[in-house]
Amino acid sequence: MSQDLNQPEVSKDINSNWVTSSKFLFYVSIFAILSLVVGNCTKLFTSGFKKPNPEVQTSSQYKPEYK
């Protein structure tokens, strides 16, 4: 009975407790993915898409101009 009363303390070290380490790695991966998504959205919002303005021959336009 005396052995039941003296239980060792639960270690909260990430190296020895796989449940704590897996939760920690899960939250770190979620944070990393969210930070990448927010960073990319912010970059796209600030710089935006540059609309190209290519040169089109006058004969191949919607309303062609012939010489």
PDB file of N, CA and C in Angstrom:
ATOM      1  N   MET A   1       0.801  -1.199   0.000  1.00  0.00           N
ATOM      2  CA  MET A   1       0.000   0.000   0.000  1.00  0.00           C
ATOM      3  C   MET A   1       0.843   1.262   0.000  1.00  0.00           C
ATOM      4  N   SER A   2       1.969   1.224   0.611  1.00  0.00           N
ATOM      5  CA  SER A   2       2.794   2.422   0.655  1.00  0.00           C
ATOM      6  C   SER A   2       3.357   2.752  -0.725  1.00  0.00           C
ATOM      7  N   GLN A   3       3.468   1.753  -1.587  1.00  0.00           N
ATOM      8  CA  GLN A   3       3.967   2.011  -2.927  1.00  0.00           C
ATOM      9  C   GLN A   3       2.932   2.758  -3.769  1.00  0.00           C
ATOM     10  N   ASP A   4       1.662   2.545  -3.498  1.00  0.00           N
ATOM     11  CA  ASP A   4       0.622   3.231  -4.252  1.00  0.00           C
ATOM     12  C   ASP A   4       0.579   4.715  -3.929  1.00  0.00           C
ATOM     13  N   LEU A   5       0.965   5.084  -2.733  1.00  0.00           N
ATOM     14  CA  LEU A   5       0.899   6.480  -2.341  1.00  0.00           C
ATOM     15  C   LEU A   5       2.050   7.295  -2.927  1.00  0.00           C
ATOM     16  N   ASN A   6       3.153   6.682  -3.196  1.00  0.00           N
ATOM     17  CA  ASN A   6       4.322   7.399  -3.704  1.00  0.00           C
ATOM     18  C   ASN A   6       4.449   7.204  -5.211  1.00  0.00           C
ATOM     19  N   GLN A   7       3.577   7.860  -5.950  1.00  0.00           N
ATOM     20  CA  GLN A   7       3.639   7.780  -7.407  1.00  0.00           C
ATOM     21  C   GLN A   7       4.610   8.842  -7.921  1.00  0.00           C
ATOM     22  N   PRO A   8       5.386   8.496  -8.902  1.00  0.00           N
ATOM     23  CA  PRO A   8       6.310   9.506  -9.432  1.00  0.00           C
ATOM     24  C   PRO A   8       5.536  10.619 -10.136  1.00  0.00           C
ATOM     25  N   GLU A   9       6.126  11.805 -10.141  1.00  0.00           N
ATOM     26  CA  GLU A   9       5.472  12.945 -10.779  1.00  0.00           C
ATOM     27  C   GLU A   9       5.483  12.748 -12.301  1.00  0.00           C
ATOM     28  N   VAL A  10       4.444  13.231 -12.902  1.00  0.00           N
ATOM     29  CA  VAL A  10       4.340  13.106 -14.351  1.00  0.00           C
ATOM     30  C   VAL A  10       5.295  14.107 -14.986  1.00  0.00           C
ATOM     31  N   SER A  11       6.125  13.599 -15.862  1.00  0.00           N
ATOM     32  CA  SER A  11       7.099  14.459 -16.523  1.00  0.00           C
ATOM     33  C   SER A  11       6.431  15.242 -17.641  1.00  0.00           C
ATOM     34  N   LYS A  12       6.682  16.533 -17.679  1.00  0.00           N
ATOM     35  CA  LYS A  12       6.119  17.373 -18.727  1.00  0.00           C
ATOM     36  C   LYS A  12       7.190  17.738 -19.748  1.00  0.00           C
ATOM     37  N   ASP A  13       8.228  16.952 -19.793  1.00  0.00           N
ATOM     38  CA  ASP A  13       9.299  17.181 -20.753  1.00  0.00           C
ATOM     39  C   ASP A  13       8.847  16.719 -22.132  1.00  0.00           C
ATOM     40  N   ILE A  14       9.186  17.498 -23.157  1.00  0.00           N
ATOM     41  CA  ILE A  14       8.744  17.158 -24.512  1.00  0.00           C
ATOM     42  C   ILE A  14       9.473  15.924 -25.038  1.00  0.00           C
ATOM     43  N   ASN A  15      10.650  15.625 -24.503  1.00  0.00           N
ATOM     44  CA  ASN A  15      11.402  14.468 -24.982  1.00  0.00           C
ATOM     45  C   ASN A  15      10.828  13.150 -24.477  1.00  0.00           C
ATOM     46  N   SER A  16      10.247  13.158 -23.304  1.00  0.00           N
ATOM     47  CA  SER A  16       9.806  11.891 -22.729  1.00  0.00           C
ATOM     48  C   SER A  16       8.295  11.651 -22.838  1.00  0.00           C
ATOM     49  N   ASN A  17       7.507  12.691 -23.013  1.00  0.00           N
ATOM     50  CA  ASN A  17       6.059  12.539 -23.052  1.00  0.00           C
ATOM     51  C   ASN A  17       5.584  12.754 -24.489  1.00  0.00           C
ATOM     52  N   TRP A  18       5.207  11.687 -25.187  1.00  0.00           N
ATOM     53  CA  TRP A  18       4.852  11.795 -26.597  1.00  0.00           C
ATOM     54  C   TRP A  18       3.513  12.465 -26.814  1.00  0.00           C
ATOM     55  N   VAL A  19       2.619  12.408 -25.825  1.00  0.00           N
ATOM     56  CA  VAL A  19       1.319  13.067 -25.979  1.00  0.00           C
ATOM     57  C   VAL A  19       1.504  14.579 -25.984  1.00  0.00           C
ATOM     58  N   THR A  20       2.294  15.075 -25.068  1.00  0.00           N
ATOM     59  CA  THR A  20       2.552  16.509 -25.005  1.00  0.00           C
ATOM     60  C   THR A  20       3.314  16.968 -26.242  1.00  0.00           C
ATOM     61  N   SER A  21       4.275  16.166 -26.671  1.00  0.00           N
ATOM     62  CA  SER A  21       5.062  16.567 -27.838  1.00  0.00           C
ATOM     63  C   SER A  21       4.223  16.546 -29.104  1.00  0.00           C
ATOM     64  N   SER A  22       3.303  15.589 -29.232  1.00  0.00           N
ATOM     65  CA  SER A  22       2.476  15.549 -30.439  1.00  0.00           C
ATOM     66  C   SER A  22       1.502  16.725 -30.463  1.00  0.00           C
ATOM     67  N   LYS A  23       0.952  17.112 -29.309  1.00  0.00           N
ATOM     68  CA  LYS A  23       0.093  18.292 -29.261  1.00  0.00           C
ATOM     69  C   LYS A  23       0.878  19.544 -29.609  1.00  0.00           C
ATOM     70  N   PHE A  24       2.092  19.636 -29.068  1.00  0.00           N
ATOM     71  CA  PHE A  24       2.940  20.788 -29.338  1.00  0.00           C
ATOM     72  C   PHE A  24       3.275  20.877 -30.829  1.00  0.00           C
ATOM     73  N   LEU A  25       3.654  19.770 -31.437  1.00  0.00           N
ATOM     74  CA  LEU A  25       3.981  19.773 -32.857  1.00  0.00           C
ATOM     75  C   LEU A  25       2.760  20.063 -33.718  1.00  0.00           C
ATOM     76  N   PHE A  26       1.588  19.595 -33.293  1.00  0.00           N
ATOM     77  CA  PHE A  26       0.351  19.894 -34.010  1.00  0.00           C
ATOM     78  C   PHE A  26       0.081  21.394 -34.015  1.00  0.00           C
ATOM     79  N   TYR A  27       0.183  22.033 -32.852  1.00  0.00           N
ATOM     80  CA  TYR A  27      -0.073  23.467 -32.768  1.00  0.00           C
ATOM     81  C   TYR A  27       0.982  24.274 -33.508  1.00  0.00           C
ATOM     82  N   VAL A  28       2.224  23.829 -33.482  1.00  0.00           N
ATOM     83  CA  VAL A  28       3.280  24.527 -34.222  1.00  0.00           C
ATOM     84  C   VAL A  28       3.034  24.430 -35.721  1.00  0.00           C
ATOM     85  N   SER A  29       2.616  23.251 -36.200  1.00  0.00           N
ATOM     86  CA  SER A  29       2.352  23.096 -37.634  1.00  0.00           C
ATOM     87  C   SER A  29       1.138  23.924 -38.058  1.00  0.00           C
ATOM     88  N   ILE A  30       0.097  23.973 -37.236  1.00  0.00           N
ATOM     89  CA  ILE A  30      -1.075  24.804 -37.553  1.00  0.00           C
ATOM     90  C   ILE A  30      -0.672  26.270 -37.606  1.00  0.00           C
ATOM     91  N   PHE A  31       0.130  26.726 -36.643  1.00  0.00           N
ATOM     92  CA  PHE A  31       0.593  28.112 -36.629  1.00  0.00           C
ATOM     93  C   PHE A  31       1.431  28.415 -37.862  1.00  0.00           C
ATOM     94  N   ALA A  32       2.302  27.486 -38.256  1.00  0.00           N
ATOM     95  CA  ALA A  32       3.153  27.706 -39.425  1.00  0.00           C
ATOM     96  C   ALA A  32       2.323  27.794 -40.703  1.00  0.00           C
ATOM     97  N   ILE A  33       1.353  26.906 -40.855  1.00  0.00           N
ATOM     98  CA  ILE A  33       0.511  26.925 -42.054  1.00  0.00           C
ATOM     99  C   ILE A  33      -0.316  28.206 -42.112  1.00  0.00           C
ATOM    100  N   LEU A  34      -0.907  28.602 -40.985  1.00  0.00           N
ATOM    101  CA  LEU A  34      -1.705  29.832 -40.962  1.00  0.00           C
ATOM    102  C   LEU A  34      -0.848  31.060 -41.232  1.00  0.00           C
ATOM    103  N   SER A  35       0.364  31.083 -40.688  1.00  0.00           N
ATOM    104  CA  SER A  35       1.226  32.240 -40.932  1.00  0.00           C
ATOM    105  C   SER A  35       1.644  32.314 -42.397  1.00  0.00           C
ATOM    106  N   LEU A  36       1.884  31.169 -43.035  1.00  0.00           N
ATOM    107  CA  LEU A  36       2.207  31.177 -44.459  1.00  0.00           C
ATOM    108  C   LEU A  36       1.021  31.659 -45.298  1.00  0.00           C
ATOM    109  N   VAL A  37      -0.174  31.204 -44.965  1.00  0.00           N
ATOM    110  CA  VAL A  37      -1.364  31.612 -45.717  1.00  0.00           C
ATOM    111  C   VAL A  37      -1.622  33.108 -45.550  1.00  0.00           C
ATOM    112  N   VAL A  38      -1.537  33.597 -44.325  1.00  0.00           N
ATOM    113  CA  VAL A  38      -1.776  35.023 -44.084  1.00  0.00           C
ATOM    114  C   VAL A  38      -0.695  35.861 -44.749  1.00  0.00           C
ATOM    115  N   GLY A  39       0.550  35.410 -44.696  1.00  0.00           N
ATOM    116  CA  GLY A  39       1.633  36.143 -45.343  1.00  0.00           C
ATOM    117  C   GLY A  39       1.470  36.212 -46.845  1.00  0.00           C
ATOM    118  N   ASN A  40       1.085  35.100 -47.458  1.00  0.00           N
ATOM    119  CA  ASN A  40       0.878  35.097 -48.903  1.00  0.00           C
ATOM    120  C   ASN A  40      -0.315  35.951 -49.310  1.00  0.00           C
ATOM    121  N   CYS A  41      -1.393  35.892 -48.532  1.00  0.00           N
ATOM    122  CA  CYS A  41      -2.561  36.725 -48.845  1.00  0.00           C
ATOM    123  C   CYS A  41      -2.226  38.202 -48.691  1.00  0.00           C
ATOM    124  N   THR A  42      -1.451  38.546 -47.680  1.00  0.00           N
ATOM    125  CA  THR A  42      -1.050  39.930 -47.476  1.00  0.00           C
ATOM    126  C   THR A  42      -0.169  40.411 -48.628  1.00  0.00           C
ATOM    127  N   LYS A  43       0.753  39.561 -49.058  1.00  0.00           N
ATOM    128  CA  LYS A  43       1.628  39.928 -50.174  1.00  0.00           C
ATOM    129  C   LYS A  43       0.821  40.128 -51.454  1.00  0.00           C
ATOM    130  N   LEU A  44      -0.130  39.244 -51.722  1.00  0.00           N
ATOM    131  CA  LEU A  44      -0.965  39.402 -52.908  1.00  0.00           C
ATOM    132  C   LEU A  44      -1.845  40.640 -52.818  1.00  0.00           C
ATOM    133  N   PHE A  45      -2.336  40.946 -51.624  1.00  0.00           N
ATOM    134  CA  PHE A  45      -3.209  42.112 -51.457  1.00  0.00           C
ATOM    135  C   PHE A  45      -2.435  43.403 -51.653  1.00  0.00           C
ATOM    136  N   THR A  46      -1.212  43.455 -51.130  1.00  0.00           N
ATOM    137  CA  THR A  46      -0.443  44.697 -51.238  1.00  0.00           C
ATOM    138  C   THR A  46       0.121  44.895 -52.639  1.00  0.00           C
ATOM    139  N   SER A  47       0.612  43.834 -53.258  1.00  0.00           N
ATOM    140  CA  SER A  47       1.206  44.014 -54.583  1.00  0.00           C
ATOM    141  C   SER A  47       0.163  43.865 -55.684  1.00  0.00           C
ATOM    142  N   GLY A  48      -0.787  42.972 -55.489  1.00  0.00           N
ATOM    143  CA  GLY A  48      -1.840  42.758 -56.470  1.00  0.00           C
ATOM    144  C   GLY A  48      -1.327  42.066 -57.717  1.00  0.00           C
ATOM    145  N   PHE A  49      -2.235  41.700 -58.573  1.00  0.00           N
ATOM    146  CA  PHE A  49      -1.866  41.101 -59.835  1.00  0.00           C
ATOM    147  C   PHE A  49      -1.678  42.219 -60.848  1.00  0.00           C
ATOM    148  N   LYS A  50      -0.584  42.180 -61.543  1.00  0.00           N
ATOM    149  CA  LYS A  50      -0.327  43.169 -62.581  1.00  0.00           C
ATOM    150  C   LYS A  50      -1.015  42.705 -63.857  1.00  0.00           C
ATOM    151  N   LYS A  51      -1.927  43.523 -64.342  1.00  0.00           N
ATOM    152  CA  LYS A  51      -2.658  43.156 -65.556  1.00  0.00           C
ATOM    153  C   LYS A  51      -1.779  43.479 -66.760  1.00  0.00           C
ATOM    154  N   PRO A  52      -1.437  42.463 -67.538  1.00  0.00           N
ATOM    155  CA  PRO A  52      -0.565  42.726 -68.683  1.00  0.00           C
ATOM    156  C   PRO A  52      -1.318  43.459 -69.794  1.00  0.00           C
ATOM    157  N   ASN A  53      -0.602  44.258 -70.504  1.00  0.00           N
ATOM    158  CA  ASN A  53      -1.186  44.978 -71.627  1.00  0.00           C
ATOM    159  C   ASN A  53      -0.377  44.623 -72.877  1.00  0.00           C
ATOM    160  N   PRO A  54      -0.658  43.469 -73.467  1.00  0.00           N
ATOM    161  CA  PRO A  54       0.151  43.040 -74.619  1.00  0.00           C
ATOM    162  C   PRO A  54      -0.227  43.819 -75.879  1.00  0.00           C
ATOM    163  N   GLU A  55       0.725  43.882 -76.778  1.00  0.00           N
ATOM    164  CA  GLU A  55       0.455  44.521 -78.066  1.00  0.00           C
ATOM    165  C   GLU A  55      -0.272  43.529 -78.966  1.00  0.00           C
ATOM    166  N   VAL A  56      -1.364  43.985 -79.537  1.00  0.00           N
ATOM    167  CA  VAL A  56      -2.169  43.141 -80.412  1.00  0.00           C
ATOM    168  C   VAL A  56      -2.176  43.784 -81.789  1.00  0.00           C
ATOM    169  N   GLN A  57      -2.030  42.968 -82.806  1.00  0.00           N
ATOM    170  CA  GLN A  57      -2.076  43.499 -84.164  1.00  0.00           C
ATOM    171  C   GLN A  57      -3.445  44.096 -84.430  1.00  0.00           C
ATOM    172  N   THR A  58      -3.465  45.159 -85.187  1.00  0.00           N
ATOM    173  CA  THR A  58      -4.742  45.838 -85.448  1.00  0.00           C
ATOM    174  C   THR A  58      -5.688  44.979 -86.274  1.00  0.00           C
ATOM    175  N   SER A  59      -5.159  44.062 -87.062  1.00  0.00           N
ATOM    176  CA  SER A  59      -6.033  43.220 -87.887  1.00  0.00           C
ATOM    177  C   SER A  59      -6.661  42.085 -87.090  1.00  0.00           C
ATOM    178  N   SER A  60      -6.163  41.793 -85.892  1.00  0.00           N
ATOM    179  CA  SER A  60      -6.729  40.700 -85.104  1.00  0.00           C
ATOM    180  C   SER A  60      -7.498  41.190 -83.877  1.00  0.00           C
ATOM    181  N   GLN A  61      -7.828  42.453 -83.819  1.00  0.00           N
ATOM    182  CA  GLN A  61      -8.616  42.984 -82.702  1.00  0.00           C
ATOM    183  C   GLN A  61     -10.092  42.648 -82.893  1.00  0.00           C
ATOM    184  N   TYR A  62     -10.895  42.972 -81.879  1.00  0.00           N
ATOM    185  CA  TYR A  62     -12.341  42.703 -81.954  1.00  0.00           C
ATOM    186  C   TYR A  62     -12.960  43.498 -83.096  1.00  0.00           C
ATOM    187  N   LYS A  63     -12.582  44.767 -83.186  1.00  0.00           N
ATOM    188  CA  LYS A  63     -12.993  45.581 -84.321  1.00  0.00           C
ATOM    189  C   LYS A  63     -11.723  45.866 -85.133  1.00  0.00           C
ATOM    190  N   PRO A  64     -11.452  45.043 -86.104  1.00  0.00           N
ATOM    191  CA  PRO A  64     -10.193  45.161 -86.841  1.00  0.00           C
ATOM    192  C   PRO A  64     -10.127  46.433 -87.674  1.00  0.00           C
ATOM    193  N   GLU A  65      -8.937  46.943 -87.790  1.00  0.00           N
ATOM    194  CA  GLU A  65      -8.690  48.096 -88.646  1.00  0.00           C
ATOM    195  C   GLU A  65      -7.812  47.620 -89.788  1.00  0.00           C
ATOM    196  N   TYR A  66      -8.343  47.733 -90.966  1.00  0.00           N
ATOM    197  CA  TYR A  66      -7.602  47.304 -92.141  1.00  0.00           C
ATOM    198  C   TYR A  66      -6.979  48.505 -92.819  1.00  0.00           C
ATOM    199  N   LYS A  67      -5.885  48.256 -93.469  1.00  0.00           N
ATOM    200  CA  LYS A  67      -5.200  49.344 -94.159  1.00  0.00           C
ATOM    201  C   LYS A  67      -5.752  49.535 -95.539  1.00  0.00           C
TER     202      LYS A  67
END
